[in-house]
Each structure stands twice: as structure tokens, then as C-alpha cells.
Amino acid sequence: MAITAFSEERFPLRIAFGTSGGPERRTDIVRLSTGFEKRNQRQARSVRRYDAGSGLKSLADLAAVLEFFEAMRGRLTGFRFRDPLDHASAPFGQPVSALDQPIGIGDGETAAFSLVKVYGAGETAYARPIEKPVAGSVRIALGGIETAAGVTVDPSTGIVTFEAPPGEGAAITAGFGFDVPVRFDTDQIAINIAAFEAGDIPTIPLIEVRP
């Protein structure tokens, strides 16, 4: 059986919603003799890290993670993970709308657009690429009007393709649910059942990857 670098399987949801973690950025800071600082971002994209161990509530959960770990061959294969706080285009707690996120402006020639989620506003806003939308969740609008005709979405890449390129100046927006592409950041899960039952939960690190 061939082993792929990324599986479209999702980490067990009931455990994912109890995990801890979030985005990490790497910034180099040099403090000058004048008291000012020079700060430089080492990477354009943030990287999300999670601890799935904090989501374990029972031995059944532990068994499910161990089964998933073996299926993914430890660190070898990436997979989908549902971030408990950031998994939709809409603000937290609000329903997804086709007007949630701008993904492009039509020019009459370009037919393919990538899903993004924008954080902040103006020139300093961060556009995060969304490469693992939830199949069937993506809603698209042209010029503020939702449309489904002549539009296809690849859930494995987040690419939206129009049969006919949107016209000049047409605003293209999207709403969607999405997963984070991650892998296990360990090749071993050390389990002590007695310690687990006493409340000593193992650490199960996950790290975001480029699928």
C-alpha cells in the first residue's frame, strides 16, 4: 500500500475541540544602544502548534488517538485538524456567509482564485491561505450576489475555479469552514495507563504543515 505525504482524513473531532494551542510567529529582535529595537519577521506565515493530549478525556479517546497515530505513521503523513477557535471564515460564533472574505477582483481573464482568510484591516492585514476547506461548505458571491452556477471548489487545495472568468472589477468573496493541515510532531506516544487514570495526560504535539 502506497503511503501519501498528506491524508484528507481528519483528526477525531471530539478530541480536537479539547486541545490547546494556536499560531506561532518567529521574530528576530535586536535592541539598539539607543533603546530602540529592530524587529524582523523570519517567515511570512504563522505556524500553528497544538497539544492533542489536552483534549483526551477517557481511555476511549486515548485509544482513538493511538489508532489515528498508527494510521498516519507518526510524523510521516499530514492530516486535517479542526482548530477549536478558528475554523470558519466568519467571526467566531457567527454563521458563514458568502460575503465573509474577499478572495479577488475579476479582470475578465483570470478564472481561478485561492481561498484566504484576512486578519486585521488595511495595509497591515494578514491574508492567510486556506488550503483545506471543508467539502461542501464553500459559498461564493460575485459582486455581492451569491452564486453556485459555473463554480467549482477543490477541497484539497482551496482553489475556486469559474467556468467563465469573472468580469472586470467584479468583487469575488467567499465563506467557508476549514481545517488546518498538520502532522504529529513526535514519532512516539508514551502511555502509562495508571498515570493516565490518575490525571497525568500524555503530551501529543501537532504542528501545521504545507500540504
N, C-alpha and C. Protein backbone atom coordinates (compact mmCIF):
# COMPACT_ATOMS: atom_id res chain seq x y z
N MET A 1 0.84 -1.19 0.00
CA MET A 1 0.00 0.00 0.00
C MET A 1 0.88 1.25 0.00
N ALA A 2 0.59 2.18 -0.91
CA ALA A 2 1.37 3.40 -1.00
C ALA A 2 1.01 4.34 0.16
N ILE A 3 2.03 4.97 0.71
CA ILE A 3 1.83 5.93 1.80
C ILE A 3 1.97 7.33 1.23
N THR A 4 0.94 8.15 1.38
CA THR A 4 0.97 9.51 0.84
C THR A 4 1.53 10.48 1.87
N ALA A 5 2.01 11.64 1.37
CA ALA A 5 2.55 12.65 2.26
C ALA A 5 1.45 13.37 3.03
N PHE A 6 0.22 13.37 2.47
CA PHE A 6 -0.89 14.03 3.16
C PHE A 6 -2.16 13.22 2.96
N SER A 7 -2.88 13.02 4.05
CA SER A 7 -4.16 12.32 4.02
C SER A 7 -5.28 13.33 4.28
N GLU A 8 -6.38 13.18 3.56
CA GLU A 8 -7.52 14.08 3.76
C GLU A 8 -8.37 13.67 4.96
N GLU A 9 -7.93 12.66 5.71
CA GLU A 9 -8.63 12.28 6.94
C GLU A 9 -8.50 13.38 7.98
N ARG A 10 -9.50 13.47 8.86
CA ARG A 10 -9.49 14.49 9.91
C ARG A 10 -9.23 13.86 11.27
N PHE A 11 -8.42 14.53 12.06
CA PHE A 11 -8.18 14.11 13.44
C PHE A 11 -9.53 14.06 14.16
N PRO A 12 -9.76 13.08 15.07
CA PRO A 12 -11.06 12.94 15.73
C PRO A 12 -11.58 14.26 16.33
N LEU A 13 -12.77 14.66 15.90
CA LEU A 13 -13.31 15.97 16.28
C LEU A 13 -13.53 16.11 17.78
N ARG A 14 -14.03 15.06 18.42
CA ARG A 14 -14.35 15.19 19.86
C ARG A 14 -13.10 15.48 20.68
N ILE A 15 -11.94 15.06 20.18
CA ILE A 15 -10.68 15.32 20.87
C ILE A 15 -10.12 16.67 20.46
N ALA A 16 -10.27 17.01 19.17
CA ALA A 16 -9.74 18.28 18.66
C ALA A 16 -10.31 19.47 19.41
N PHE A 17 -11.60 19.41 19.75
CA PHE A 17 -12.23 20.55 20.41
C PHE A 17 -11.82 20.71 21.87
N GLY A 18 -10.98 19.82 22.37
CA GLY A 18 -10.46 19.98 23.73
C GLY A 18 -8.98 20.27 23.76
N THR A 19 -8.36 20.42 22.58
CA THR A 19 -6.91 20.63 22.55
C THR A 19 -6.54 22.06 22.88
N SER A 20 -5.24 22.25 23.18
CA SER A 20 -4.71 23.59 23.41
C SER A 20 -3.73 23.93 22.30
N GLY A 21 -3.46 25.21 22.10
CA GLY A 21 -2.50 25.61 21.09
C GLY A 21 -3.01 26.78 20.26
N GLY A 22 -2.22 27.15 19.24
CA GLY A 22 -2.59 28.26 18.39
C GLY A 22 -1.42 28.70 17.53
N PRO A 23 -1.52 29.90 16.94
CA PRO A 23 -0.49 30.35 16.00
C PRO A 23 0.82 30.74 16.69
N GLU A 24 1.90 30.49 15.97
CA GLU A 24 3.24 30.87 16.46
C GLU A 24 3.94 31.65 15.35
N ARG A 25 4.60 32.74 15.72
CA ARG A 25 5.40 33.51 14.77
C ARG A 25 6.83 33.59 15.27
N ARG A 26 7.77 33.75 14.35
CA ARG A 26 9.17 33.85 14.72
C ARG A 26 9.69 35.23 14.35
N THR A 27 10.09 35.98 15.36
CA THR A 27 10.54 37.35 15.17
C THR A 27 11.92 37.54 15.78
N ASP A 28 12.84 38.04 14.97
CA ASP A 28 14.17 38.38 15.47
C ASP A 28 14.15 39.83 15.97
N ILE A 29 14.65 40.04 17.18
CA ILE A 29 14.64 41.39 17.78
C ILE A 29 16.05 41.76 18.21
N VAL A 30 16.51 42.90 17.73
CA VAL A 30 17.81 43.43 18.12
C VAL A 30 17.57 44.76 18.84
N ARG A 31 18.00 44.82 20.10
CA ARG A 31 17.82 46.04 20.87
C ARG A 31 19.06 46.90 20.72
N LEU A 32 18.87 48.13 20.25
CA LEU A 32 19.97 49.04 19.99
C LEU A 32 20.38 49.80 21.26
N SER A 33 21.57 50.36 21.23
CA SER A 33 22.06 51.12 22.39
C SER A 33 21.21 52.34 22.68
N THR A 34 20.48 52.82 21.68
CA THR A 34 19.61 53.99 21.84
C THR A 34 18.31 53.63 22.56
N GLY A 35 18.07 52.32 22.73
CA GLY A 35 16.83 51.89 23.36
C GLY A 35 15.77 51.45 22.36
N PHE A 36 15.98 51.81 21.09
CA PHE A 36 15.05 51.38 20.06
C PHE A 36 15.31 49.91 19.70
N GLU A 37 14.37 49.31 19.01
CA GLU A 37 14.50 47.92 18.58
C GLU A 37 14.37 47.81 17.07
N LYS A 38 15.07 46.84 16.53
CA LYS A 38 14.87 46.45 15.14
C LYS A 38 14.24 45.06 15.17
N ARG A 39 13.08 44.95 14.53
CA ARG A 39 12.37 43.68 14.55
C ARG A 39 12.18 43.16 13.12
N ASN A 40 12.44 41.90 12.95
CA ASN A 40 12.33 41.29 11.63
C ASN A 40 11.60 39.95 11.73
N GLN A 41 10.58 39.79 10.89
CA GLN A 41 9.81 38.54 10.87
C GLN A 41 10.53 37.52 10.00
N ARG A 42 10.80 36.34 10.56
CA ARG A 42 11.57 35.33 9.85
C ARG A 42 10.75 34.55 8.82
N GLN A 43 9.43 34.57 8.95
CA GLN A 43 8.58 33.88 7.98
C GLN A 43 7.28 34.64 7.81
N ALA A 44 6.77 34.63 6.58
CA ALA A 44 5.58 35.41 6.27
C ALA A 44 4.32 34.82 6.89
N ARG A 45 4.29 33.50 7.00
CA ARG A 45 3.11 32.82 7.52
C ARG A 45 3.33 32.36 8.96
N SER A 46 2.29 32.45 9.75
CA SER A 46 2.36 31.88 11.10
C SER A 46 2.27 30.36 10.99
N VAL A 47 2.75 29.69 12.02
CA VAL A 47 2.67 28.23 12.09
C VAL A 47 1.90 27.86 13.35
N ARG A 48 0.91 27.03 13.21
CA ARG A 48 0.10 26.66 14.36
C ARG A 48 0.60 25.37 15.00
N ARG A 49 0.66 25.40 16.32
CA ARG A 49 1.06 24.23 17.10
C ARG A 49 -0.06 23.90 18.09
N TYR A 50 -0.28 22.62 18.29
CA TYR A 50 -1.33 22.18 19.20
C TYR A 50 -0.82 21.03 20.07
N ASP A 51 -1.49 20.83 21.20
CA ASP A 51 -1.24 19.67 22.06
C ASP A 51 -2.54 18.89 22.15
N ALA A 52 -2.60 17.78 21.41
CA ALA A 52 -3.82 16.98 21.39
C ALA A 52 -4.04 16.24 22.70
N GLY A 53 -2.98 16.09 23.50
CA GLY A 53 -3.12 15.41 24.77
C GLY A 53 -4.12 16.09 25.69
N SER A 54 -4.20 17.41 25.60
CA SER A 54 -5.11 18.14 26.48
C SER A 54 -6.58 17.91 26.12
N GLY A 55 -6.83 17.28 24.96
CA GLY A 55 -8.21 17.00 24.58
C GLY A 55 -8.69 15.63 25.01
N LEU A 56 -7.78 14.82 25.57
CA LEU A 56 -8.16 13.47 25.99
C LEU A 56 -8.97 13.50 27.27
N LYS A 57 -10.11 12.82 27.25
CA LYS A 57 -10.98 12.78 28.44
C LYS A 57 -11.20 11.37 28.95
N SER A 58 -10.85 10.37 28.15
CA SER A 58 -11.12 8.99 28.53
C SER A 58 -10.13 8.07 27.84
N LEU A 59 -10.13 6.81 28.30
CA LEU A 59 -9.28 5.81 27.65
C LEU A 59 -9.75 5.56 26.21
N ALA A 60 -11.05 5.73 25.96
CA ALA A 60 -11.56 5.58 24.59
C ALA A 60 -10.96 6.65 23.68
N ASP A 61 -10.83 7.89 24.19
CA ASP A 61 -10.18 8.95 23.42
C ASP A 61 -8.74 8.60 23.14
N LEU A 62 -8.05 8.11 24.16
CA LEU A 62 -6.65 7.73 24.02
C LEU A 62 -6.48 6.65 22.97
N ALA A 63 -7.37 5.67 22.99
CA ALA A 63 -7.31 4.59 22.01
C ALA A 63 -7.54 5.12 20.60
N ALA A 64 -8.45 6.09 20.46
CA ALA A 64 -8.73 6.67 19.14
C ALA A 64 -7.51 7.41 18.60
N VAL A 65 -6.80 8.15 19.48
CA VAL A 65 -5.61 8.86 19.05
C VAL A 65 -4.50 7.89 18.67
N LEU A 66 -4.33 6.84 19.45
CA LEU A 66 -3.30 5.84 19.12
C LEU A 66 -3.58 5.18 17.77
N GLU A 67 -4.85 4.88 17.49
CA GLU A 67 -5.20 4.29 16.21
C GLU A 67 -4.90 5.26 15.07
N PHE A 68 -5.24 6.54 15.27
CA PHE A 68 -5.01 7.56 14.25
C PHE A 68 -3.51 7.77 14.05
N PHE A 69 -2.75 7.77 15.14
CA PHE A 69 -1.30 7.94 15.09
C PHE A 69 -0.67 6.83 14.24
N GLU A 70 -1.10 5.60 14.46
CA GLU A 70 -0.57 4.48 13.69
C GLU A 70 -0.96 4.59 12.21
N ALA A 71 -2.21 5.01 11.94
CA ALA A 71 -2.67 5.14 10.56
C ALA A 71 -1.87 6.19 9.80
N MET A 72 -1.46 7.26 10.52
CA MET A 72 -0.67 8.32 9.90
C MET A 72 0.82 8.04 9.91
N ARG A 73 1.21 6.91 10.49
CA ARG A 73 2.63 6.51 10.57
C ARG A 73 3.45 7.56 11.34
N GLY A 74 2.92 8.03 12.46
CA GLY A 74 3.64 9.02 13.25
C GLY A 74 3.78 10.34 12.49
N ARG A 75 5.00 10.82 12.35
CA ARG A 75 5.25 12.10 11.69
C ARG A 75 5.21 12.04 10.17
N LEU A 76 5.04 10.84 9.61
CA LEU A 76 5.19 10.68 8.16
C LEU A 76 4.11 11.37 7.35
N THR A 77 2.85 11.23 7.77
CA THR A 77 1.73 11.68 6.95
C THR A 77 0.98 12.84 7.62
N GLY A 78 0.74 13.89 6.86
CA GLY A 78 -0.05 15.01 7.34
C GLY A 78 -1.54 14.69 7.28
N PHE A 79 -2.35 15.48 7.98
CA PHE A 79 -3.79 15.24 8.03
C PHE A 79 -4.52 16.52 8.40
N ARG A 80 -5.84 16.47 8.33
CA ARG A 80 -6.66 17.63 8.67
C ARG A 80 -6.89 17.70 10.19
N PHE A 81 -6.94 18.94 10.70
CA PHE A 81 -7.22 19.15 12.12
C PHE A 81 -8.14 20.35 12.25
N ARG A 82 -9.18 20.22 13.07
CA ARG A 82 -10.13 21.31 13.28
C ARG A 82 -9.69 22.16 14.47
N ASP A 83 -9.26 23.38 14.18
CA ASP A 83 -8.88 24.32 15.24
C ASP A 83 -10.13 24.66 16.04
N PRO A 84 -10.10 24.49 17.36
CA PRO A 84 -11.33 24.70 18.14
C PRO A 84 -11.85 26.14 18.14
N LEU A 85 -10.98 27.12 17.86
CA LEU A 85 -11.43 28.52 17.89
C LEU A 85 -11.45 29.19 16.52
N ASP A 86 -10.70 28.66 15.57
CA ASP A 86 -10.55 29.34 14.28
C ASP A 86 -10.71 28.32 13.15
N HIS A 87 -11.97 28.07 12.77
CA HIS A 87 -12.23 27.07 11.75
C HIS A 87 -13.30 27.49 10.74
N ALA A 88 -13.56 28.80 10.66
CA ALA A 88 -14.55 29.30 9.71
C ALA A 88 -14.19 30.70 9.24
N SER A 89 -14.74 31.08 8.10
CA SER A 89 -14.46 32.40 7.52
C SER A 89 -15.13 33.53 8.28
N ALA A 90 -16.22 33.24 8.96
CA ALA A 90 -16.97 34.25 9.70
C ALA A 90 -16.35 34.48 11.08
N PRO A 91 -16.62 35.65 11.69
CA PRO A 91 -16.17 35.85 13.07
C PRO A 91 -16.71 34.75 13.97
N PHE A 92 -15.97 34.46 15.04
CA PHE A 92 -16.31 33.35 15.93
C PHE A 92 -17.75 33.47 16.41
N GLY A 93 -18.49 32.38 16.30
CA GLY A 93 -19.87 32.33 16.78
C GLY A 93 -20.90 32.81 15.79
N GLN A 94 -20.47 33.31 14.62
CA GLN A 94 -21.42 33.80 13.62
C GLN A 94 -21.50 32.83 12.45
N PRO A 95 -22.65 32.79 11.76
CA PRO A 95 -22.80 31.85 10.64
C PRO A 95 -21.97 32.27 9.44
N VAL A 96 -21.57 31.29 8.66
CA VAL A 96 -20.80 31.55 7.44
C VAL A 96 -21.67 32.22 6.39
N SER A 97 -21.10 33.22 5.73
CA SER A 97 -21.80 33.94 4.67
C SER A 97 -20.91 34.00 3.44
N ALA A 98 -21.51 34.05 2.26
CA ALA A 98 -20.75 34.16 1.01
C ALA A 98 -20.01 35.49 0.91
N LEU A 99 -20.29 36.41 1.79
CA LEU A 99 -19.65 37.73 1.76
C LEU A 99 -18.52 37.86 2.78
N ASP A 100 -18.18 36.78 3.47
CA ASP A 100 -17.22 36.85 4.58
C ASP A 100 -15.84 37.37 4.20
N GLN A 101 -15.22 36.79 3.17
CA GLN A 101 -13.82 37.07 2.86
C GLN A 101 -13.61 37.44 1.40
N PRO A 102 -12.91 38.56 1.13
CA PRO A 102 -12.58 38.89 -0.26
C PRO A 102 -11.47 37.97 -0.76
N ILE A 103 -11.65 37.37 -1.93
CA ILE A 103 -10.61 36.49 -2.47
C ILE A 103 -10.09 36.95 -3.83
N GLY A 104 -10.63 38.05 -4.35
CA GLY A 104 -10.10 38.55 -5.61
C GLY A 104 -11.01 39.55 -6.29
N ILE A 105 -10.50 40.14 -7.36
CA ILE A 105 -11.24 41.07 -8.21
C ILE A 105 -11.15 40.54 -9.64
N GLY A 106 -12.28 40.43 -10.31
CA GLY A 106 -12.29 39.92 -11.67
C GLY A 106 -11.57 40.85 -12.64
N ASP A 107 -10.92 40.24 -13.65
CA ASP A 107 -10.28 41.02 -14.71
C ASP A 107 -10.70 40.56 -16.10
N GLY A 108 -11.69 39.66 -16.15
CA GLY A 108 -12.17 39.16 -17.42
C GLY A 108 -11.33 38.04 -18.01
N GLU A 109 -10.19 37.71 -17.34
CA GLU A 109 -9.31 36.67 -17.86
C GLU A 109 -9.01 35.57 -16.82
N THR A 110 -8.82 35.98 -15.56
CA THR A 110 -8.47 35.02 -14.51
C THR A 110 -9.70 34.22 -14.08
N ALA A 111 -9.56 32.90 -14.08
CA ALA A 111 -10.69 32.05 -13.72
C ALA A 111 -10.51 31.35 -12.38
N ALA A 112 -9.27 31.28 -11.86
CA ALA A 112 -9.00 30.55 -10.62
C ALA A 112 -8.56 31.51 -9.52
N PHE A 113 -9.09 31.32 -8.32
CA PHE A 113 -8.78 32.16 -7.17
C PHE A 113 -8.58 31.28 -5.95
N SER A 114 -7.68 31.69 -5.08
CA SER A 114 -7.38 30.92 -3.87
C SER A 114 -8.15 31.46 -2.68
N LEU A 115 -8.67 30.56 -1.86
CA LEU A 115 -9.35 30.98 -0.64
C LEU A 115 -8.35 31.56 0.35
N VAL A 116 -8.73 32.63 1.01
CA VAL A 116 -7.91 33.22 2.07
C VAL A 116 -8.82 33.67 3.20
N LYS A 117 -8.24 33.83 4.38
CA LYS A 117 -8.93 34.47 5.49
C LYS A 117 -8.08 35.65 5.93
N VAL A 118 -8.70 36.82 5.98
CA VAL A 118 -7.97 38.05 6.27
C VAL A 118 -8.11 38.40 7.75
N TYR A 119 -6.98 38.70 8.38
CA TYR A 119 -6.94 39.12 9.77
C TYR A 119 -6.48 40.57 9.82
N GLY A 120 -7.25 41.45 10.48
CA GLY A 120 -6.89 42.85 10.52
C GLY A 120 -7.49 43.59 9.33
N ALA A 121 -7.06 44.84 9.15
CA ALA A 121 -7.60 45.68 8.08
C ALA A 121 -6.51 46.58 7.52
N GLY A 122 -6.74 47.04 6.31
CA GLY A 122 -5.80 47.97 5.70
C GLY A 122 -4.53 47.30 5.22
N GLU A 123 -3.46 48.10 5.10
CA GLU A 123 -2.20 47.60 4.55
C GLU A 123 -1.51 46.59 5.45
N THR A 124 -1.82 46.61 6.73
CA THR A 124 -1.17 45.70 7.66
C THR A 124 -1.93 44.38 7.83
N ALA A 125 -3.03 44.21 7.11
CA ALA A 125 -3.83 42.99 7.24
C ALA A 125 -3.02 41.78 6.78
N TYR A 126 -3.29 40.64 7.41
CA TYR A 126 -2.62 39.39 7.06
C TYR A 126 -3.62 38.49 6.35
N ALA A 127 -3.30 38.09 5.12
CA ALA A 127 -4.16 37.19 4.34
C ALA A 127 -3.61 35.77 4.47
N ARG A 128 -4.31 34.97 5.22
CA ARG A 128 -3.88 33.59 5.47
C ARG A 128 -4.42 32.66 4.39
N PRO A 129 -3.56 31.95 3.67
CA PRO A 129 -4.05 30.99 2.67
C PRO A 129 -4.84 29.87 3.33
N ILE A 130 -5.99 29.55 2.77
CA ILE A 130 -6.81 28.45 3.26
C ILE A 130 -6.76 27.33 2.22
N GLU A 131 -6.03 26.28 2.54
CA GLU A 131 -5.79 25.21 1.57
C GLU A 131 -6.58 23.94 1.85
N LYS A 132 -7.29 23.92 2.98
CA LYS A 132 -8.08 22.74 3.31
C LYS A 132 -9.50 23.13 3.73
N PRO A 133 -10.29 23.69 2.79
CA PRO A 133 -11.68 23.99 3.13
C PRO A 133 -12.47 22.71 3.35
N VAL A 134 -13.53 22.80 4.12
CA VAL A 134 -14.40 21.64 4.34
C VAL A 134 -15.26 21.44 3.10
N ALA A 135 -15.24 20.25 2.55
CA ALA A 135 -16.01 19.95 1.34
C ALA A 135 -17.49 20.28 1.54
N GLY A 136 -18.06 21.00 0.59
CA GLY A 136 -19.48 21.35 0.64
C GLY A 136 -19.79 22.59 1.46
N SER A 137 -18.78 23.19 2.11
CA SER A 137 -19.04 24.35 2.97
C SER A 137 -18.82 25.68 2.26
N VAL A 138 -18.16 25.67 1.11
CA VAL A 138 -17.74 26.92 0.46
C VAL A 138 -18.92 27.59 -0.26
N ARG A 139 -19.10 28.87 0.02
CA ARG A 139 -20.12 29.68 -0.63
C ARG A 139 -19.43 30.85 -1.32
N ILE A 140 -19.82 31.14 -2.55
CA ILE A 140 -19.15 32.15 -3.36
C ILE A 140 -20.15 33.24 -3.78
N ALA A 141 -19.68 34.49 -3.79
CA ALA A 141 -20.51 35.59 -4.27
C ALA A 141 -19.72 36.42 -5.28
N LEU A 142 -20.41 36.88 -6.31
CA LEU A 142 -19.84 37.80 -7.31
C LEU A 142 -20.58 39.12 -7.22
N GLY A 143 -19.83 40.18 -6.97
CA GLY A 143 -20.47 41.49 -6.85
C GLY A 143 -21.53 41.54 -5.77
N GLY A 144 -21.34 40.76 -4.70
CA GLY A 144 -22.27 40.79 -3.58
C GLY A 144 -23.46 39.86 -3.74
N ILE A 145 -23.53 39.11 -4.83
CA ILE A 145 -24.66 38.20 -5.07
C ILE A 145 -24.14 36.76 -5.05
N GLU A 146 -24.68 35.94 -4.17
CA GLU A 146 -24.22 34.57 -4.07
C GLU A 146 -24.56 33.78 -5.32
N THR A 147 -23.61 32.97 -5.74
CA THR A 147 -23.79 32.16 -6.93
C THR A 147 -23.14 30.79 -6.75
N ALA A 148 -23.73 29.79 -7.35
CA ALA A 148 -23.15 28.45 -7.32
C ALA A 148 -22.96 27.91 -8.74
N ALA A 149 -23.61 28.55 -9.71
CA ALA A 149 -23.55 28.09 -11.08
C ALA A 149 -22.18 28.37 -11.69
N GLY A 150 -21.61 27.35 -12.34
CA GLY A 150 -20.35 27.54 -13.03
C GLY A 150 -19.16 27.74 -12.13
N VAL A 151 -19.26 27.30 -10.87
CA VAL A 151 -18.17 27.45 -9.91
C VAL A 151 -17.82 26.09 -9.32
N THR A 152 -16.54 25.76 -9.29
CA THR A 152 -16.10 24.53 -8.64
C THR A 152 -15.04 24.87 -7.60
N VAL A 153 -15.00 24.07 -6.54
CA VAL A 153 -14.04 24.28 -5.46
C VAL A 153 -13.30 22.97 -5.21
N ASP A 154 -11.98 23.04 -5.18
CA ASP A 154 -11.18 21.86 -4.86
C ASP A 154 -10.92 21.85 -3.35
N PRO A 155 -11.55 20.93 -2.60
CA PRO A 155 -11.37 20.93 -1.15
C PRO A 155 -9.98 20.52 -0.69
N SER A 156 -9.17 19.97 -1.58
CA SER A 156 -7.82 19.57 -1.21
C SER A 156 -6.79 20.67 -1.41
N THR A 157 -7.18 21.76 -2.10
CA THR A 157 -6.25 22.87 -2.35
C THR A 157 -6.80 24.25 -1.99
N GLY A 158 -8.13 24.37 -1.92
CA GLY A 158 -8.72 25.68 -1.67
C GLY A 158 -8.78 26.57 -2.90
N ILE A 159 -8.67 25.98 -4.10
CA ILE A 159 -8.75 26.75 -5.34
C ILE A 159 -10.19 26.78 -5.83
N VAL A 160 -10.68 28.01 -6.08
CA VAL A 160 -12.01 28.23 -6.62
C VAL A 160 -11.87 28.52 -8.12
N THR A 161 -12.58 27.77 -8.96
CA THR A 161 -12.46 27.94 -10.40
C THR A 161 -13.82 28.25 -11.02
N PHE A 162 -13.86 29.30 -11.86
CA PHE A 162 -15.08 29.70 -12.56
C PHE A 162 -15.01 29.19 -14.00
N GLU A 163 -16.14 28.68 -14.51
CA GLU A 163 -16.19 28.27 -15.90
C GLU A 163 -15.93 29.45 -16.82
N ALA A 164 -16.53 30.59 -16.47
CA ALA A 164 -16.30 31.82 -17.22
C ALA A 164 -15.62 32.82 -16.29
N PRO A 165 -14.46 33.36 -16.67
CA PRO A 165 -13.75 34.30 -15.79
C PRO A 165 -14.64 35.46 -15.38
N PRO A 166 -14.64 35.83 -14.10
CA PRO A 166 -15.44 36.97 -13.65
C PRO A 166 -15.06 38.25 -14.41
N GLY A 167 -16.06 39.08 -14.64
CA GLY A 167 -15.86 40.29 -15.41
C GLY A 167 -14.97 41.32 -14.71
N GLU A 168 -14.50 42.27 -15.48
CA GLU A 168 -13.63 43.34 -14.99
C GLU A 168 -14.25 44.06 -13.79
N GLY A 169 -13.50 44.08 -12.67
CA GLY A 169 -13.92 44.82 -11.49
C GLY A 169 -14.90 44.09 -10.59
N ALA A 170 -15.29 42.86 -10.94
CA ALA A 170 -16.26 42.13 -10.12
C ALA A 170 -15.60 41.65 -8.82
N ALA A 171 -16.17 42.04 -7.69
CA ALA A 171 -15.64 41.61 -6.39
C ALA A 171 -16.04 40.16 -6.13
N ILE A 172 -15.04 39.35 -5.77
CA ILE A 172 -15.28 37.93 -5.51
C ILE A 172 -15.07 37.68 -4.02
N THR A 173 -16.08 37.18 -3.35
CA THR A 173 -15.99 36.90 -1.93
C THR A 173 -16.38 35.44 -1.67
N ALA A 174 -16.02 34.97 -0.48
CA ALA A 174 -16.30 33.58 -0.16
C ALA A 174 -16.55 33.40 1.34
N GLY A 175 -17.30 32.37 1.65
CA GLY A 175 -17.49 31.93 3.03
C GLY A 175 -17.24 30.43 3.07
N PHE A 176 -16.71 29.94 4.18
CA PHE A 176 -16.31 28.53 4.22
C PHE A 176 -15.96 28.09 5.64
N GLY A 177 -16.01 26.79 5.85
CA GLY A 177 -15.39 26.17 7.01
C GLY A 177 -14.06 25.60 6.54
N PHE A 178 -13.12 25.42 7.44
CA PHE A 178 -11.83 24.90 7.01
C PHE A 178 -11.12 24.16 8.13
N ASP A 179 -10.17 23.33 7.72
CA ASP A 179 -9.30 22.60 8.63
C ASP A 179 -7.87 23.10 8.48
N VAL A 180 -7.03 22.78 9.45
CA VAL A 180 -5.61 23.12 9.40
C VAL A 180 -4.83 21.88 9.00
N PRO A 181 -3.96 21.96 7.99
CA PRO A 181 -3.12 20.80 7.66
C PRO A 181 -2.00 20.66 8.69
N VAL A 182 -1.93 19.53 9.36
CA VAL A 182 -0.93 19.32 10.41
C VAL A 182 -0.33 17.92 10.27
N ARG A 183 0.64 17.64 11.10
CA ARG A 183 1.17 16.29 11.28
C ARG A 183 1.52 16.13 12.76
N PHE A 184 1.71 14.90 13.20
CA PHE A 184 2.21 14.66 14.54
C PHE A 184 3.65 15.17 14.61
N ASP A 185 4.02 15.81 15.71
CA ASP A 185 5.39 16.30 15.86
C ASP A 185 6.18 15.40 16.81
N THR A 186 5.86 14.13 16.78
CA THR A 186 6.58 13.12 17.56
C THR A 186 6.42 11.78 16.87
N ASP A 187 7.39 10.93 17.02
CA ASP A 187 7.29 9.58 16.47
C ASP A 187 7.01 8.55 17.57
N GLN A 188 6.74 9.04 18.78
CA GLN A 188 6.43 8.13 19.88
C GLN A 188 5.40 8.75 20.80
N ILE A 189 4.40 7.96 21.18
CA ILE A 189 3.45 8.36 22.21
C ILE A 189 3.62 7.40 23.38
N ALA A 190 4.19 7.90 24.46
CA ALA A 190 4.45 7.07 25.63
C ALA A 190 3.23 7.06 26.55
N ILE A 191 2.67 5.89 26.76
CA ILE A 191 1.44 5.77 27.53
C ILE A 191 1.68 4.96 28.81
N ASN A 192 1.21 5.51 29.92
CA ASN A 192 1.18 4.79 31.19
C ASN A 192 -0.28 4.84 31.65
N ILE A 193 -0.97 3.71 31.54
CA ILE A 193 -2.41 3.70 31.82
C ILE A 193 -2.71 4.12 33.25
N ALA A 194 -1.93 3.66 34.19
CA ALA A 194 -2.17 4.02 35.59
C ALA A 194 -2.02 5.52 35.78
N ALA A 195 -0.99 6.11 35.15
CA ALA A 195 -0.78 7.56 35.27
C ALA A 195 -1.91 8.32 34.59
N PHE A 196 -2.38 7.81 33.45
CA PHE A 196 -3.48 8.47 32.73
C PHE A 196 -4.74 8.50 33.59
N GLU A 197 -5.05 7.38 34.23
CA GLU A 197 -6.25 7.32 35.07
C GLU A 197 -6.11 8.22 36.29
N ALA A 198 -4.87 8.53 36.67
CA ALA A 198 -4.66 9.42 37.82
C ALA A 198 -4.61 10.89 37.39
N GLY A 199 -4.78 11.15 36.10
CA GLY A 199 -4.82 12.52 35.62
C GLY A 199 -3.56 13.00 34.94
N ASP A 200 -2.56 12.14 34.79
CA ASP A 200 -1.32 12.52 34.10
C ASP A 200 -1.48 12.22 32.61
N ILE A 201 -1.89 13.25 31.84
CA ILE A 201 -2.22 13.07 30.43
C ILE A 201 -0.96 13.24 29.57
N PRO A 202 -0.71 12.33 28.62
CA PRO A 202 0.48 12.45 27.78
C PRO A 202 0.40 13.64 26.85
N THR A 203 1.56 14.19 26.49
CA THR A 203 1.64 15.26 25.52
C THR A 203 1.65 14.68 24.12
N ILE A 204 0.79 15.19 23.26
CA ILE A 204 0.71 14.71 21.88
C ILE A 204 0.79 15.93 20.96
N PRO A 205 2.02 16.34 20.59
CA PRO A 205 2.19 17.58 19.83
C PRO A 205 1.82 17.44 18.35
N LEU A 206 1.18 18.48 17.83
CA LEU A 206 0.85 18.59 16.40
C LEU A 206 1.44 19.89 15.88
N ILE A 207 1.87 19.91 14.62
CA ILE A 207 2.42 21.13 14.03
C ILE A 207 1.85 21.32 12.63
N GLU A 208 1.53 22.55 12.28
CA GLU A 208 1.00 22.87 10.95
C GLU A 208 2.04 22.62 9.87
N VAL A 209 1.59 22.15 8.71
CA VAL A 209 2.48 21.90 7.59
C VAL A 209 1.89 22.52 6.33
N ARG A 210 2.72 22.63 5.29
CA ARG A 210 2.24 23.00 3.95
C ARG A 210 1.86 21.73 3.24
N PRO A 211 0.58 21.53 2.89
CA PRO A 211 0.14 20.27 2.28
C PRO A 211 0.66 20.12 0.85
